[in-house]
Amino acid sequence: MSETIQNVVQELLQRCGDLSEKDDAELLHFLISGLRSSNAAASAAAAQGLIDLISQSEHNRKVIRALPVTAAVAALHFLGPELSSLAQKLSDELDDAVQHLAPMEPVKNKLSFALPRPPLKDMELKVTLSEAKEAEVLSSHGWRVWPGAQLLAAWLVSEPSFLVGKTVLEVGSGPGLCGLAAAVLGAREVKLSDRCRAVRTALQSSVEENGLENVTVIPLDWEAPCGLDRCDVVLASEVIYQRPAVEMLPKLLHQVLKEEGVFCACEQAGRAQDGVRLLPLFWEQMEALGFRSIYTETKQAEGRDDQYVLFKFALGTSRQRQQTQSDNVATSTKPSLLAEHGAKGSSALQCPASACWWQCPPRMITIVGRTR
């Protein structure tokens, strides 16, 4: 496929004049499909071809940016250093197009959440959403507070003890609702991380809006978390939506968590890629690295049919991890919660009989600006 992609690129480059939105649409969509290929050589050829086409003229930039290319480019960041580097170059080219079109718009969308915590007064948090065009180019999720984040934040309010006095990292923060909640609930230090610069700008605005002095905003490369101290707790919500995250996130957690550190997350139960459900695969990767599941519960978000899984993993000690790896060599096991469904299927995950759910979901009380 990579040879075919190269031929298509050469054909487009050798034509006289700029790209035509109408006449060249089919070939350009073929290149974008190449970005999504499971063949690394094909993805690389498509990315380099689009970069070459964009660099030809400003008109070509605008034509390509108008196509559904952003999500495909974002996915390349998860497919290894070489493809990630090409994805960054392509993102930079697209971002250049944004700068030519208009200056970066100021952040305008703000949401306020009231998180009930009876018998105490509701905890109110103000969240800034990213509307900068850079976030759109990178297909960032910072423009919305997703249901998984709302469910996780509500649960943190109900069970805050494991956060008190701890160092906390939120990965793929987006608007940062969960990390902000952790900061208010007694965490000693919280780091909010996102790869998108525009989202980090919005996160910093949220930190200042809520007057939180124990929160910092950082970029984070999941493949190379250089210079990052190990922390007590990692939070995440709706970050397991592509197969590469299933493999990369457990490795990242293994690098950034202290022994007996806790990973707490909320993910959509039925999310799948190519017909294969992702959460059971993630579970296997975590157990293989010496993590043990310490809490699992299912919850349905208000107004949605999707079912979500709220769960916690703890990283064992070195001795425990060695024992786990030895056990994994001897026998392949799946967590009981997921085993009955395997890696495929659409059955709802069953929650243990002992699990209970604090019944007060977060309530959005104020909306300023547009919502999507």
Foldseek 3Di string as FASTA:
>chain_A
DLVVLLVLLVVQVPDPDADDLPPCVVSLVVLLVQLVDPDPSSNLSSLVSLLVNLVVDLVSLVSNLVDPRQVSLLVQCLVDDVSVVSSVSSLVSNVVNVVVVDPWDDFFWKFKWFQDQPPDGTDIFIWTAFPTVSCVNNVQPLRDCDLFNLQLLNVCSHPVPLQAQWEEEEESCRRNSNQVSSQVSHHQAYEYEDQGPRSLVRNVVRCVVVVRPRYDYDYARLVDRPPAAATQEYEYEAPQQDQSCLQSVLVSNLVRHDAQGKYKYKHFQQRDDPQWRRPQSSQQNNLLQQKDWDAWDKDDGPPDPIIMIITMITHHDPVSRVVSNVVCVVDPDTPPQCVVQPRGDDDDGDHDPPDDGDPGTMDTDDITDDGD
